[in-house]
N, C-alpha and C. Protein backbone atom coordinates (compact mmCIF):
# COMPACT_ATOMS: atom_id res chain seq x y z
N MET A 1 -3.56 6.26 -28.58
CA MET A 1 -3.30 5.05 -29.27
C MET A 1 -1.92 5.72 -29.19
N LEU A 2 -1.10 4.63 -29.48
CA LEU A 2 0.35 5.16 -29.90
C LEU A 2 0.58 5.57 -31.18
N LYS A 3 1.20 6.68 -31.34
CA LYS A 3 1.90 6.60 -32.80
C LYS A 3 3.02 6.90 -33.19
N SER A 4 3.71 7.07 -32.28
CA SER A 4 5.13 7.16 -32.65
C SER A 4 5.94 6.76 -31.46
N ALA A 5 7.67 6.49 -31.75
CA ALA A 5 8.27 5.65 -31.15
C ALA A 5 8.65 6.69 -29.94
N ASP A 6 7.95 8.12 -29.93
CA ASP A 6 8.46 8.78 -28.82
C ASP A 6 6.99 7.99 -28.03
N ASP A 7 5.68 8.24 -28.42
CA ASP A 7 4.66 7.83 -27.58
C ASP A 7 5.20 6.67 -26.79
N ILE A 8 5.81 5.66 -27.49
CA ILE A 8 6.43 4.59 -26.79
C ILE A 8 7.28 4.78 -25.54
N ARG A 9 8.01 5.98 -25.96
CA ARG A 9 8.95 5.98 -24.72
C ARG A 9 8.95 6.48 -23.78
N GLN A 10 7.76 7.78 -23.77
CA GLN A 10 7.11 8.03 -22.87
C GLN A 10 5.93 7.19 -22.18
N LEU A 11 5.45 6.08 -22.57
CA LEU A 11 5.23 5.30 -21.65
C LEU A 11 5.56 4.64 -21.07
N ASN A 12 7.15 4.28 -21.65
CA ASN A 12 7.90 3.45 -20.93
C ASN A 12 8.48 3.97 -19.85
N ASP A 13 8.67 5.24 -19.99
CA ASP A 13 8.96 6.43 -19.12
C ASP A 13 8.16 6.22 -17.57
N ARG A 14 6.97 6.60 -17.96
CA ARG A 14 5.48 6.54 -17.08
C ARG A 14 5.24 5.69 -16.16
N ILE A 15 5.92 4.02 -16.84
CA ILE A 15 5.79 2.85 -16.20
C ILE A 15 7.06 2.73 -14.85
N SER A 16 8.34 2.85 -15.86
CA SER A 16 9.06 3.21 -14.66
C SER A 16 8.75 4.20 -13.97
N GLN A 17 8.46 5.30 -14.17
CA GLN A 17 8.59 6.24 -12.51
C GLN A 17 7.54 5.26 -11.54
N ALA A 18 6.06 4.47 -12.24
CA ALA A 18 5.09 3.77 -11.44
C ALA A 18 6.13 3.08 -10.57
N GLY A 19 6.78 2.29 -11.40
CA GLY A 19 7.72 0.76 -10.82
C GLY A 19 8.55 1.90 -9.67
N GLN A 20 9.63 2.92 -9.75
CA GLN A 20 10.28 3.38 -8.58
C GLN A 20 9.25 3.65 -7.57
N PHE A 21 8.02 4.28 -7.38
CA PHE A 21 7.47 4.93 -7.00
C PHE A 21 6.96 3.36 -6.03
N THR A 22 6.54 2.36 -6.19
CA THR A 22 6.41 1.19 -5.54
C THR A 22 7.74 0.57 -5.08
N ASP A 23 8.57 0.44 -5.41
CA ASP A 23 9.94 0.33 -4.79
C ASP A 23 10.30 1.24 -3.99
N LYS A 24 9.93 2.25 -4.12
CA LYS A 24 10.70 3.51 -2.85
C LYS A 24 9.18 2.91 -1.50
N LEU A 25 8.49 2.59 -1.94
CA LEU A 25 7.30 2.37 -1.07
C LEU A 25 7.50 1.27 -0.37
N ARG A 26 7.97 -0.22 -0.70
CA ARG A 26 8.59 -1.38 -0.36
C ARG A 26 9.64 -0.89 0.69
N ASN A 27 10.71 -0.17 0.05
CA ASN A 27 11.95 -0.15 1.12
C ASN A 27 11.68 0.60 2.18
N GLU A 28 10.90 1.82 1.90
CA GLU A 28 10.36 2.65 3.26
C GLU A 28 9.60 1.97 4.27
N VAL A 29 8.78 0.70 3.69
CA VAL A 29 7.62 0.36 4.75
C VAL A 29 8.54 -1.30 5.24
N GLY A 30 9.99 -1.61 4.12
CA GLY A 30 10.31 -2.63 4.86
C GLY A 30 11.55 -2.47 5.50
N HIS A 31 11.93 -1.27 6.61
CA HIS A 31 12.68 -0.79 7.70
C HIS A 31 11.76 -1.05 8.21
N VAL A 32 10.43 -0.89 8.37
CA VAL A 32 9.45 -1.07 9.80
C VAL A 32 9.32 -2.61 9.59
N ILE A 33 8.60 -3.03 8.81
CA ILE A 33 8.01 -4.04 8.89
C ILE A 33 9.05 -5.42 7.98
N ILE A 34 9.06 -6.11 8.62
CA ILE A 34 10.09 -7.37 8.12
C ILE A 34 9.70 -8.84 8.09
N GLY A 35 9.73 -9.36 6.57
CA GLY A 35 8.97 -11.04 6.47
C GLY A 35 7.39 -10.62 5.88
N GLN A 36 6.79 -9.86 5.98
CA GLN A 36 5.42 -9.57 5.04
C GLN A 36 5.21 -8.68 3.98
N SER A 37 6.02 -9.28 2.92
CA SER A 37 6.24 -9.21 1.71
C SER A 37 5.09 -8.69 0.93
N HIS A 38 4.14 -10.34 1.34
CA HIS A 38 3.52 -10.47 0.86
C HIS A 38 2.26 -9.28 0.96
N MET A 39 1.90 -9.09 2.17
CA MET A 39 0.76 -8.24 2.52
C MET A 39 1.00 -7.08 2.07
N LEU A 40 2.11 -6.61 1.79
CA LEU A 40 2.58 -4.85 1.27
C LEU A 40 2.18 -4.90 0.14
N ASP A 41 2.25 -6.70 -0.64
CA ASP A 41 1.95 -6.25 -2.28
C ASP A 41 0.50 -6.19 -2.21
N ARG A 42 0.05 -6.85 -1.43
CA ARG A 42 -1.58 -6.64 -1.59
C ARG A 42 -2.10 -5.11 -1.10
N LEU A 43 -1.21 -4.51 0.12
CA LEU A 43 -1.54 -3.53 0.26
C LEU A 43 -1.86 -2.38 -0.72
N LEU A 44 -0.34 -2.26 -1.50
CA LEU A 44 0.14 -1.54 -2.59
C LEU A 44 -1.29 -1.84 -3.81
N ILE A 45 -1.58 -2.94 -3.90
CA ILE A 45 -2.49 -3.32 -5.13
C ILE A 45 -3.50 -2.45 -4.91
N GLY A 46 -4.11 -2.81 -3.34
CA GLY A 46 -5.20 -1.94 -3.05
C GLY A 46 -4.84 -0.40 -3.03
N LEU A 47 -3.87 -0.02 -2.73
CA LEU A 47 -4.09 1.93 -2.66
C LEU A 47 -3.53 1.95 -4.55
N LEU A 48 -2.96 1.60 -4.97
CA LEU A 48 -3.19 1.73 -6.57
C LEU A 48 -4.28 1.86 -7.32
N SER A 49 -5.14 0.87 -6.76
CA SER A 49 -6.19 0.32 -7.83
C SER A 49 -7.79 0.98 -7.17
N ASN A 50 -7.04 2.39 -5.93
CA ASN A 50 -8.50 2.74 -5.07
C ASN A 50 -9.28 1.84 -4.47
N GLY A 51 -8.51 0.89 -4.15
CA GLY A 51 -9.78 -0.38 -3.54
C GLY A 51 -9.48 -0.26 -1.68
N HIS A 52 -10.35 -1.13 -1.26
CA HIS A 52 -10.21 -1.22 -0.44
C HIS A 52 -9.70 -2.26 0.73
N ILE A 53 -9.10 -2.80 1.69
CA ILE A 53 -8.38 -3.86 2.34
C ILE A 53 -8.84 -3.86 3.83
N LEU A 54 -9.25 -5.23 4.03
CA LEU A 54 -9.59 -5.34 5.20
C LEU A 54 -8.90 -6.39 5.92
N LEU A 55 -7.40 -5.76 6.78
CA LEU A 55 -6.53 -6.63 7.70
C LEU A 55 -7.59 -7.46 8.97
N GLU A 56 -6.90 -9.12 8.96
CA GLU A 56 -7.70 -9.74 9.89
C GLU A 56 -6.73 -10.72 10.20
N GLY A 57 -6.31 -10.91 11.44
CA GLY A 57 -5.58 -11.65 12.35
C GLY A 57 -5.50 -11.66 13.45
N VAL A 58 -4.97 -12.73 13.75
CA VAL A 58 -4.59 -12.59 15.52
C VAL A 58 -3.76 -11.61 16.15
N PRO A 59 -4.15 -11.14 17.28
CA PRO A 59 -2.99 -10.20 18.14
C PRO A 59 -1.84 -10.30 17.79
N GLY A 60 -0.85 -9.01 17.83
CA GLY A 60 0.65 -9.57 17.01
C GLY A 60 0.87 -9.57 15.75
N LEU A 61 0.33 -9.55 14.71
CA LEU A 61 0.75 -9.64 13.52
C LEU A 61 1.27 -8.88 12.68
N ALA A 62 1.47 -7.27 13.51
CA ALA A 62 1.80 -5.86 12.98
C ALA A 62 1.24 -5.42 12.18
N LYS A 63 -0.47 -5.55 11.73
CA LYS A 63 -1.17 -5.10 10.69
C LYS A 63 -1.46 -3.48 11.36
N THR A 64 -1.83 -3.06 12.56
CA THR A 64 -1.58 -1.78 12.48
C THR A 64 -0.42 -1.08 12.30
N LEU A 65 0.96 -1.59 13.07
CA LEU A 65 1.61 -1.13 12.01
C LEU A 65 2.59 -0.96 11.01
N THR A 66 1.70 -1.98 10.25
CA THR A 66 2.05 -2.09 8.96
C THR A 66 1.49 -0.75 7.72
N ILE A 67 0.21 -0.64 8.57
CA ILE A 67 -0.88 -0.01 7.95
C ILE A 67 -0.17 1.74 8.32
N LYS A 68 0.26 2.13 9.68
CA LYS A 68 1.16 3.04 10.00
C LYS A 68 1.85 3.59 9.01
N SER A 69 3.19 2.70 9.14
CA SER A 69 4.20 2.56 8.42
C SER A 69 3.70 3.12 6.65
N LEU A 70 2.47 2.44 6.00
CA LEU A 70 2.49 2.92 4.96
C LEU A 70 1.80 4.31 4.79
N SER A 71 1.06 4.52 5.64
CA SER A 71 0.81 5.87 5.56
C SER A 71 1.20 7.14 5.84
N THR A 72 2.40 6.71 6.72
CA THR A 72 3.46 7.60 6.87
C THR A 72 4.48 7.69 5.67
N ALA A 73 4.88 6.80 4.83
CA ALA A 73 5.87 6.44 3.41
C ALA A 73 4.55 7.40 2.37
N ILE A 74 3.08 7.33 2.64
CA ILE A 74 2.69 8.22 1.55
C ILE A 74 2.38 9.56 1.92
N GLN A 75 2.17 9.68 3.19
CA GLN A 75 1.88 11.08 3.96
C GLN A 75 0.71 11.35 4.04
N ALA A 76 0.06 10.04 3.80
CA ALA A 76 -1.62 10.14 4.29
C ALA A 76 -2.10 9.87 6.42
N LYS A 77 -3.08 10.32 6.28
CA LYS A 77 -3.65 10.78 7.88
C LYS A 77 -3.85 8.81 8.18
N PHE A 78 -3.55 8.72 9.11
CA PHE A 78 -3.39 7.53 9.86
C PHE A 78 -5.20 7.59 11.07
N SER A 79 -5.76 6.72 10.90
CA SER A 79 -6.08 7.06 12.11
C SER A 79 -7.13 5.24 12.18
N ARG A 80 -7.77 4.54 13.59
CA ARG A 80 -7.82 3.36 13.76
C ARG A 80 -8.70 3.33 14.66
N ILE A 81 -9.61 2.10 14.34
CA ILE A 81 -11.12 1.85 14.71
C ILE A 81 -10.64 0.56 15.43
N GLN A 82 -11.41 0.71 16.68
CA GLN A 82 -11.05 -1.06 17.40
C GLN A 82 -12.67 -1.33 17.50
N PHE A 83 -12.38 -2.37 16.78
CA PHE A 83 -13.57 -3.27 16.89
C PHE A 83 -14.29 -3.81 17.99
N THR A 84 -15.39 -3.34 18.14
CA THR A 84 -16.06 -4.02 20.10
C THR A 84 -17.18 -4.34 19.77
N PRO A 85 -18.03 -5.24 20.39
CA PRO A 85 -19.21 -5.22 20.52
C PRO A 85 -19.93 -4.08 20.33
N ASP A 86 -19.67 -3.14 21.03
CA ASP A 86 -20.54 -1.88 21.23
C ASP A 86 -20.53 -1.33 19.32
N LEU A 87 -20.19 -1.28 18.68
CA LEU A 87 -20.01 -1.02 17.73
C LEU A 87 -21.06 -1.97 16.64
N LEU A 88 -21.53 -3.14 17.04
CA LEU A 88 -22.08 -3.79 16.30
C LEU A 88 -23.86 -3.45 16.09
N PRO A 89 -23.95 -3.56 15.03
CA PRO A 89 -25.52 -2.89 14.37
C PRO A 89 -26.66 -4.00 15.93
N ALA A 90 -27.70 -2.86 16.20
CA ALA A 90 -28.45 -3.31 16.68
C ALA A 90 -29.65 -4.32 16.96
């Protein structure tokens, strides 16, 4: 519970730092992916909430490149699974 002006100031500083983090990520990925800000916002929501995201779409929409760019920006490991019929359960 907030008890003083110092607590509120510290909370505001933490919120500002988190905002700077997302701005830096948007900027970094935005150098590679152009015009996909809605998708990037959803990816950041999934990342920050420890959620899962499934990207679907026709070929050529830069889905793989977006995830690769995001993983590079946060210094995470990137791997990809190609969905083929042999991966379906029997």
